[in-house]
Amino acid sequence: MSALAEIQNEQEYARLLAEVLPHVIHTEEENDRCTAVLETLLNKTDRTAEEKRLTELLTLLIEDFEEKHYSLPAATPLDILRHLMESNGLRQVDLVNVFGTASVVSEVLKGKRPLSKSHIEKLSQRFHVSPELFFKRLPTA
C-alpha cells in the first residue's frame, strides 16, 4: 500500500467498521466475506481516507489468513531437481553426464547422497537456473 491514509472522520470510520466487522479470519467463509468487501472497496475510484484505512486493515487480515492456510512448504533441492527432470521429460539416465555414473544419479534421487558443489554447478548449467535453487533453505520464522 502507498502512504497511510489519515482518518479524517472518526465517526465515518467507526460506521464502516461496524458495517464490516473486521476481525482475525478463521474460516473460508470469513475470508470470502472479507475478500468481497475488499474487492468492492478496491473497485471504487474515489475511496475516502476511512475506506483506504479499512482497505489496509482487510488486506492485512486476508494476507494473514491466506499465509497460514495456503502457503506451500519450501521445496528441497531434491524436489527441485525432480521437478526440473519431470518438466523437461528427463529420466535418471539423462543425468549421468551430470553425476558421472548411474549409481550416483540413483543415490541422489533416492536422497541417500547429497548434491555436491560440482553437481550443483552442472545442474545449474544444464537447466539454465541459478545454483541457489539447489542449496538447502533454512526455515524462516
N, C-alpha and C. Protein backbone atom coordinates (compact mmCIF):
# COMPACT_ATOMS: atom_id res chain seq x y z
N MET A 1 0.84 -1.18 0.00
CA MET A 1 0.00 0.00 0.00
C MET A 1 0.88 1.23 0.00
N SER A 2 0.32 2.31 -0.51
CA SER A 2 1.07 3.56 -0.51
C SER A 2 0.95 4.24 0.84
N ALA A 3 1.14 5.52 0.85
CA ALA A 3 1.15 6.28 2.11
C ALA A 3 -0.11 5.99 2.92
N LEU A 4 0.07 5.93 4.22
CA LEU A 4 -1.02 5.64 5.13
C LEU A 4 -2.05 6.77 5.09
N ALA A 5 -3.30 6.39 4.92
CA ALA A 5 -4.37 7.39 4.86
C ALA A 5 -4.73 7.81 6.27
N GLU A 6 -4.72 9.10 6.51
CA GLU A 6 -5.12 9.65 7.81
C GLU A 6 -6.63 9.65 7.90
N ILE A 7 -7.13 9.13 9.00
CA ILE A 7 -8.58 9.15 9.22
C ILE A 7 -8.99 10.59 9.47
N GLN A 8 -9.92 11.06 8.67
CA GLN A 8 -10.38 12.44 8.80
C GLN A 8 -11.70 12.50 9.56
N ASN A 9 -12.46 11.43 9.48
CA ASN A 9 -13.77 11.42 10.11
C ASN A 9 -13.90 10.12 10.92
N GLU A 10 -13.65 10.22 12.22
CA GLU A 10 -13.66 9.04 13.08
C GLU A 10 -15.04 8.38 13.12
N GLN A 11 -16.08 9.16 13.04
CA GLN A 11 -17.43 8.60 13.07
C GLN A 11 -17.70 7.78 11.81
N GLU A 12 -17.23 8.27 10.68
CA GLU A 12 -17.41 7.54 9.43
C GLU A 12 -16.61 6.23 9.47
N TYR A 13 -15.40 6.30 10.00
CA TYR A 13 -14.57 5.08 10.11
C TYR A 13 -15.24 4.08 11.06
N ALA A 14 -15.77 4.56 12.17
CA ALA A 14 -16.47 3.70 13.11
C ALA A 14 -17.69 3.06 12.45
N ARG A 15 -18.40 3.83 11.61
CA ARG A 15 -19.57 3.30 10.89
C ARG A 15 -19.14 2.17 9.95
N LEU A 16 -18.03 2.40 9.21
CA LEU A 16 -17.52 1.37 8.29
C LEU A 16 -17.11 0.11 9.06
N LEU A 17 -16.43 0.30 10.18
CA LEU A 17 -16.02 -0.85 10.99
C LEU A 17 -17.23 -1.62 11.51
N ALA A 18 -18.25 -0.90 11.96
CA ALA A 18 -19.46 -1.55 12.46
C ALA A 18 -20.17 -2.30 11.35
N GLU A 19 -20.11 -1.77 10.15
CA GLU A 19 -20.77 -2.41 9.00
C GLU A 19 -20.03 -3.68 8.58
N VAL A 20 -18.69 -3.60 8.53
CA VAL A 20 -17.88 -4.72 8.02
C VAL A 20 -17.51 -5.71 9.13
N LEU A 21 -17.34 -5.22 10.35
CA LEU A 21 -16.93 -6.03 11.49
C LEU A 21 -15.65 -6.84 11.20
N PRO A 22 -14.57 -6.15 10.85
CA PRO A 22 -13.33 -6.88 10.56
C PRO A 22 -12.74 -7.48 11.83
N HIS A 23 -12.18 -8.68 11.69
CA HIS A 23 -11.55 -9.38 12.80
C HIS A 23 -10.60 -10.43 12.24
N VAL A 24 -9.83 -11.06 13.10
CA VAL A 24 -8.94 -12.12 12.65
C VAL A 24 -9.78 -13.18 11.96
N ILE A 25 -9.37 -13.57 10.78
CA ILE A 25 -10.13 -14.52 9.96
C ILE A 25 -9.76 -15.95 10.34
N HIS A 26 -10.80 -16.78 10.59
CA HIS A 26 -10.56 -18.17 10.99
C HIS A 26 -11.14 -19.19 10.01
N THR A 27 -12.08 -18.79 9.16
CA THR A 27 -12.73 -19.76 8.27
C THR A 27 -12.71 -19.25 6.83
N GLU A 28 -12.96 -20.17 5.91
CA GLU A 28 -13.05 -19.82 4.49
C GLU A 28 -14.19 -18.84 4.24
N GLU A 29 -15.30 -19.03 4.95
CA GLU A 29 -16.45 -18.16 4.78
C GLU A 29 -16.10 -16.72 5.18
N GLU A 30 -15.42 -16.59 6.31
CA GLU A 30 -15.00 -15.25 6.76
C GLU A 30 -14.02 -14.64 5.75
N ASN A 31 -13.13 -15.46 5.23
CA ASN A 31 -12.17 -14.96 4.25
C ASN A 31 -12.89 -14.51 2.98
N ASP A 32 -13.86 -15.30 2.53
CA ASP A 32 -14.62 -14.93 1.33
C ASP A 32 -15.36 -13.62 1.55
N ARG A 33 -15.96 -13.46 2.73
CA ARG A 33 -16.70 -12.23 3.03
C ARG A 33 -15.77 -11.02 3.03
N CYS A 34 -14.64 -11.15 3.70
CA CYS A 34 -13.69 -10.02 3.76
C CYS A 34 -13.12 -9.72 2.38
N THR A 35 -12.88 -10.76 1.61
CA THR A 35 -12.35 -10.56 0.25
C THR A 35 -13.37 -9.83 -0.61
N ALA A 36 -14.63 -10.17 -0.49
CA ALA A 36 -15.69 -9.50 -1.26
C ALA A 36 -15.76 -8.01 -0.89
N VAL A 37 -15.69 -7.72 0.41
CA VAL A 37 -15.72 -6.32 0.85
C VAL A 37 -14.50 -5.59 0.32
N LEU A 38 -13.34 -6.23 0.42
CA LEU A 38 -12.10 -5.60 -0.07
C LEU A 38 -12.18 -5.32 -1.57
N GLU A 39 -12.67 -6.28 -2.33
CA GLU A 39 -12.79 -6.08 -3.78
C GLU A 39 -13.72 -4.92 -4.10
N THR A 40 -14.82 -4.81 -3.36
CA THR A 40 -15.74 -3.69 -3.56
C THR A 40 -15.03 -2.36 -3.32
N LEU A 41 -14.27 -2.31 -2.23
CA LEU A 41 -13.53 -1.08 -1.91
C LEU A 41 -12.46 -0.78 -2.97
N LEU A 42 -11.76 -1.80 -3.41
CA LEU A 42 -10.70 -1.60 -4.40
C LEU A 42 -11.24 -1.16 -5.76
N ASN A 43 -12.48 -1.50 -6.06
CA ASN A 43 -13.09 -1.11 -7.32
C ASN A 43 -13.56 0.34 -7.32
N LYS A 44 -13.61 0.94 -6.15
CA LYS A 44 -14.00 2.35 -6.06
C LYS A 44 -12.83 3.22 -6.51
N THR A 45 -13.10 4.20 -7.33
CA THR A 45 -12.03 5.09 -7.80
C THR A 45 -11.81 6.27 -6.87
N ASP A 46 -12.77 6.55 -6.04
CA ASP A 46 -12.64 7.73 -5.16
C ASP A 46 -12.83 7.34 -3.70
N ARG A 47 -11.97 6.44 -3.21
CA ARG A 47 -12.08 5.99 -1.82
C ARG A 47 -11.75 7.13 -0.86
N THR A 48 -12.51 7.17 0.21
CA THR A 48 -12.24 8.15 1.26
C THR A 48 -11.04 7.67 2.07
N ALA A 49 -10.51 8.54 2.90
CA ALA A 49 -9.40 8.16 3.77
C ALA A 49 -9.81 7.01 4.68
N GLU A 50 -11.03 7.02 5.13
CA GLU A 50 -11.54 5.97 6.01
C GLU A 50 -11.66 4.64 5.26
N GLU A 51 -12.10 4.70 4.02
CA GLU A 51 -12.18 3.49 3.20
C GLU A 51 -10.78 2.96 2.88
N LYS A 52 -9.84 3.86 2.68
CA LYS A 52 -8.45 3.44 2.44
C LYS A 52 -7.89 2.73 3.66
N ARG A 53 -8.20 3.25 4.84
CA ARG A 53 -7.72 2.62 6.08
C ARG A 53 -8.36 1.24 6.25
N LEU A 54 -9.65 1.11 5.95
CA LEU A 54 -10.33 -0.18 6.04
C LEU A 54 -9.75 -1.15 5.01
N THR A 55 -9.43 -0.65 3.83
CA THR A 55 -8.80 -1.47 2.80
C THR A 55 -7.48 -2.04 3.30
N GLU A 56 -6.71 -1.20 3.96
CA GLU A 56 -5.43 -1.63 4.51
C GLU A 56 -5.64 -2.72 5.57
N LEU A 57 -6.60 -2.53 6.46
CA LEU A 57 -6.88 -3.50 7.52
C LEU A 57 -7.33 -4.83 6.93
N LEU A 58 -8.26 -4.80 5.99
CA LEU A 58 -8.76 -6.03 5.38
C LEU A 58 -7.64 -6.77 4.64
N THR A 59 -6.79 -6.02 3.97
CA THR A 59 -5.67 -6.64 3.26
C THR A 59 -4.77 -7.41 4.23
N LEU A 60 -4.46 -6.80 5.36
CA LEU A 60 -3.62 -7.48 6.35
C LEU A 60 -4.30 -8.73 6.91
N LEU A 61 -5.58 -8.65 7.19
CA LEU A 61 -6.31 -9.79 7.74
C LEU A 61 -6.37 -10.94 6.72
N ILE A 62 -6.64 -10.61 5.47
CA ILE A 62 -6.72 -11.63 4.42
C ILE A 62 -5.35 -12.25 4.17
N GLU A 63 -4.31 -11.42 4.09
CA GLU A 63 -2.96 -11.95 3.88
C GLU A 63 -2.56 -12.89 5.02
N ASP A 64 -2.89 -12.52 6.25
CA ASP A 64 -2.56 -13.37 7.39
C ASP A 64 -3.25 -14.72 7.28
N PHE A 65 -4.54 -14.73 6.98
CA PHE A 65 -5.28 -15.98 6.84
C PHE A 65 -4.70 -16.84 5.71
N GLU A 66 -4.47 -16.22 4.56
CA GLU A 66 -4.01 -16.99 3.41
C GLU A 66 -2.58 -17.50 3.59
N GLU A 67 -1.76 -16.75 4.27
CA GLU A 67 -0.40 -17.23 4.54
C GLU A 67 -0.44 -18.46 5.44
N LYS A 68 -1.33 -18.47 6.42
CA LYS A 68 -1.44 -19.60 7.34
C LYS A 68 -2.08 -20.82 6.69
N HIS A 69 -3.02 -20.59 5.77
CA HIS A 69 -3.78 -21.71 5.21
C HIS A 69 -3.36 -22.15 3.81
N TYR A 70 -2.67 -21.31 3.07
CA TYR A 70 -2.36 -21.66 1.69
C TYR A 70 -0.88 -21.66 1.36
N SER A 71 -0.02 -21.30 2.30
CA SER A 71 1.40 -21.24 1.97
C SER A 71 1.95 -22.64 1.74
N LEU A 72 2.82 -22.74 0.78
CA LEU A 72 3.45 -24.01 0.45
C LEU A 72 4.76 -24.15 1.20
N PRO A 73 5.09 -25.36 1.60
CA PRO A 73 6.39 -25.54 2.25
C PRO A 73 7.50 -25.31 1.22
N ALA A 74 8.64 -24.88 1.69
CA ALA A 74 9.77 -24.65 0.79
C ALA A 74 10.18 -25.97 0.15
N ALA A 75 10.48 -25.91 -1.11
CA ALA A 75 10.92 -27.10 -1.84
C ALA A 75 12.37 -27.41 -1.48
N THR A 76 12.66 -28.69 -1.35
CA THR A 76 14.03 -29.10 -1.10
C THR A 76 14.79 -29.12 -2.42
N PRO A 77 16.12 -29.13 -2.37
CA PRO A 77 16.89 -29.24 -3.62
C PRO A 77 16.49 -30.49 -4.42
N LEU A 78 16.20 -31.58 -3.72
CA LEU A 78 15.79 -32.81 -4.42
C LEU A 78 14.43 -32.63 -5.08
N ASP A 79 13.50 -31.94 -4.41
CA ASP A 79 12.19 -31.65 -5.02
C ASP A 79 12.37 -30.83 -6.30
N ILE A 80 13.26 -29.86 -6.24
CA ILE A 80 13.50 -29.00 -7.40
C ILE A 80 14.10 -29.80 -8.54
N LEU A 81 15.07 -30.66 -8.22
CA LEU A 81 15.68 -31.50 -9.26
C LEU A 81 14.63 -32.40 -9.90
N ARG A 82 13.81 -33.03 -9.09
CA ARG A 82 12.76 -33.91 -9.63
C ARG A 82 11.79 -33.13 -10.52
N HIS A 83 11.43 -31.92 -10.08
CA HIS A 83 10.53 -31.09 -10.88
C HIS A 83 11.17 -30.73 -12.22
N LEU A 84 12.43 -30.33 -12.18
CA LEU A 84 13.12 -29.98 -13.43
C LEU A 84 13.22 -31.18 -14.37
N MET A 85 13.48 -32.34 -13.80
CA MET A 85 13.53 -33.55 -14.63
C MET A 85 12.17 -33.82 -15.26
N GLU A 86 11.12 -33.75 -14.45
CA GLU A 86 9.77 -34.03 -14.95
C GLU A 86 9.35 -33.03 -16.02
N SER A 87 9.59 -31.75 -15.74
CA SER A 87 9.15 -30.72 -16.69
C SER A 87 9.96 -30.74 -17.99
N ASN A 88 11.13 -31.35 -17.95
CA ASN A 88 11.95 -31.47 -19.16
C ASN A 88 11.89 -32.87 -19.77
N GLY A 89 11.06 -33.72 -19.21
CA GLY A 89 10.89 -35.08 -19.74
C GLY A 89 12.16 -35.92 -19.63
N LEU A 90 12.89 -35.75 -18.53
CA LEU A 90 14.16 -36.48 -18.37
C LEU A 90 14.00 -37.67 -17.44
N ARG A 91 14.85 -38.68 -17.68
CA ARG A 91 14.92 -39.85 -16.81
C ARG A 91 16.28 -39.84 -16.13
N GLN A 92 16.47 -40.75 -15.19
CA GLN A 92 17.74 -40.82 -14.47
C GLN A 92 18.92 -40.92 -15.42
N VAL A 93 18.79 -41.75 -16.42
CA VAL A 93 19.90 -41.98 -17.36
C VAL A 93 20.31 -40.69 -18.07
N ASP A 94 19.39 -39.76 -18.21
CA ASP A 94 19.69 -38.50 -18.89
C ASP A 94 20.59 -37.59 -18.07
N LEU A 95 20.81 -37.92 -16.80
CA LEU A 95 21.65 -37.08 -15.94
C LEU A 95 22.99 -37.73 -15.59
N VAL A 96 23.31 -38.82 -16.24
CA VAL A 96 24.60 -39.48 -15.97
C VAL A 96 25.75 -38.53 -16.26
N ASN A 97 25.63 -37.71 -17.30
CA ASN A 97 26.71 -36.77 -17.62
C ASN A 97 26.91 -35.71 -16.54
N VAL A 98 25.88 -35.46 -15.75
CA VAL A 98 25.99 -34.51 -14.65
C VAL A 98 26.62 -35.17 -13.42
N PHE A 99 26.19 -36.39 -13.12
CA PHE A 99 26.59 -37.06 -11.89
C PHE A 99 27.74 -38.05 -12.05
N GLY A 100 28.07 -38.38 -13.28
CA GLY A 100 29.21 -39.28 -13.51
C GLY A 100 28.83 -40.72 -13.72
N THR A 101 27.97 -41.27 -12.87
CA THR A 101 27.55 -42.67 -13.02
C THR A 101 26.06 -42.78 -12.72
N ALA A 102 25.47 -43.87 -13.24
CA ALA A 102 24.05 -44.11 -13.00
C ALA A 102 23.79 -44.35 -11.51
N SER A 103 24.74 -44.99 -10.83
CA SER A 103 24.52 -45.27 -9.40
C SER A 103 24.50 -43.99 -8.57
N VAL A 104 25.31 -43.00 -8.93
CA VAL A 104 25.30 -41.73 -8.20
C VAL A 104 23.98 -41.02 -8.46
N VAL A 105 23.51 -41.02 -9.70
CA VAL A 105 22.21 -40.41 -10.01
C VAL A 105 21.13 -41.05 -9.14
N SER A 106 21.13 -42.36 -9.07
CA SER A 106 20.14 -43.09 -8.30
C SER A 106 20.22 -42.74 -6.82
N GLU A 107 21.43 -42.69 -6.28
CA GLU A 107 21.60 -42.37 -4.85
C GLU A 107 21.12 -40.95 -4.54
N VAL A 108 21.41 -40.01 -5.42
CA VAL A 108 20.96 -38.63 -5.22
C VAL A 108 19.44 -38.55 -5.26
N LEU A 109 18.83 -39.18 -6.25
CA LEU A 109 17.37 -39.11 -6.41
C LEU A 109 16.63 -39.86 -5.31
N LYS A 110 17.28 -40.81 -4.65
CA LYS A 110 16.67 -41.52 -3.52
C LYS A 110 16.94 -40.80 -2.21
N GLY A 111 17.72 -39.72 -2.27
CA GLY A 111 18.02 -38.97 -1.06
C GLY A 111 19.11 -39.59 -0.20
N LYS A 112 19.82 -40.55 -0.74
CA LYS A 112 20.89 -41.23 0.01
C LYS A 112 22.22 -40.50 -0.10
N ARG A 113 22.29 -39.57 -1.04
CA ARG A 113 23.54 -38.85 -1.28
C ARG A 113 23.20 -37.38 -1.54
N PRO A 114 23.88 -36.46 -0.87
CA PRO A 114 23.60 -35.03 -1.12
C PRO A 114 24.22 -34.57 -2.44
N LEU A 115 23.71 -33.45 -2.92
CA LEU A 115 24.30 -32.84 -4.10
C LEU A 115 25.65 -32.23 -3.73
N SER A 116 26.66 -32.47 -4.55
CA SER A 116 27.97 -31.85 -4.32
C SER A 116 28.00 -30.51 -5.03
N LYS A 117 29.04 -29.73 -4.74
CA LYS A 117 29.19 -28.44 -5.43
C LYS A 117 29.31 -28.64 -6.93
N SER A 118 30.02 -29.68 -7.32
CA SER A 118 30.17 -29.99 -8.74
C SER A 118 28.82 -30.33 -9.38
N HIS A 119 28.02 -31.13 -8.68
CA HIS A 119 26.68 -31.48 -9.19
C HIS A 119 25.83 -30.23 -9.36
N ILE A 120 25.87 -29.36 -8.35
CA ILE A 120 25.07 -28.13 -8.38
C ILE A 120 25.48 -27.25 -9.55
N GLU A 121 26.77 -27.13 -9.76
CA GLU A 121 27.26 -26.32 -10.88
C GLU A 121 26.78 -26.89 -12.21
N LYS A 122 26.91 -28.19 -12.38
CA LYS A 122 26.49 -28.83 -13.64
C LYS A 122 24.98 -28.77 -13.84
N LEU A 123 24.23 -28.97 -12.74
CA LEU A 123 22.77 -28.90 -12.85
C LEU A 123 22.30 -27.50 -13.21
N SER A 124 22.92 -26.48 -12.62
CA SER A 124 22.50 -25.11 -12.92
C SER A 124 22.80 -24.78 -14.38
N GLN A 125 23.90 -25.30 -14.90
CA GLN A 125 24.22 -25.08 -16.32
C GLN A 125 23.28 -25.88 -17.21
N ARG A 126 23.00 -27.11 -16.83
CA ARG A 126 22.13 -27.98 -17.63
C ARG A 126 20.72 -27.40 -17.77
N PHE A 127 20.19 -26.89 -16.65
CA PHE A 127 18.81 -26.40 -16.64
C PHE A 127 18.71 -24.88 -16.77
N HIS A 128 19.85 -24.20 -16.89
CA HIS A 128 19.88 -22.74 -17.03
C HIS A 128 19.14 -22.06 -15.87
N VAL A 129 19.49 -22.47 -14.66
CA VAL A 129 18.90 -21.89 -13.44
C VAL A 129 20.02 -21.48 -12.49
N SER A 130 19.66 -20.69 -11.52
CA SER A 130 20.64 -20.26 -10.52
C SER A 130 21.05 -21.45 -9.64
N PRO A 131 22.33 -21.55 -9.30
CA PRO A 131 22.76 -22.60 -8.38
C PRO A 131 22.04 -22.54 -7.03
N GLU A 132 21.57 -21.35 -6.67
CA GLU A 132 20.86 -21.18 -5.39
C GLU A 132 19.68 -22.13 -5.24
N LEU A 133 19.07 -22.53 -6.34
CA LEU A 133 17.92 -23.44 -6.27
C LEU A 133 18.27 -24.76 -5.60
N PHE A 134 19.53 -25.14 -5.68
CA PHE A 134 19.93 -26.45 -5.19
C PHE A 134 20.57 -26.40 -3.80
N PHE A 135 20.53 -25.25 -3.16
CA PHE A 135 21.03 -25.16 -1.79
C PHE A 135 19.86 -25.34 -0.84
N LYS A 136 20.08 -26.09 0.20
CA LYS A 136 19.02 -26.32 1.20
C LYS A 136 18.70 -25.02 1.90
N ARG A 137 17.40 -24.70 1.97
CA ARG A 137 16.96 -23.48 2.61
C ARG A 137 16.62 -23.75 4.07
N LEU A 138 17.00 -22.83 4.92
CA LEU A 138 16.63 -22.93 6.32
C LEU A 138 15.23 -22.37 6.50
N PRO A 139 14.44 -22.97 7.39
CA PRO A 139 13.08 -22.44 7.61
C PRO A 139 13.14 -21.00 8.12
N THR A 140 12.15 -20.22 7.68
CA THR A 140 12.06 -18.84 8.15
C THR A 140 11.04 -18.76 9.27
N ALA A 141 11.23 -17.77 10.10
CA ALA A 141 10.32 -17.63 11.26
C ALA A 141 8.99 -17.07 10.86
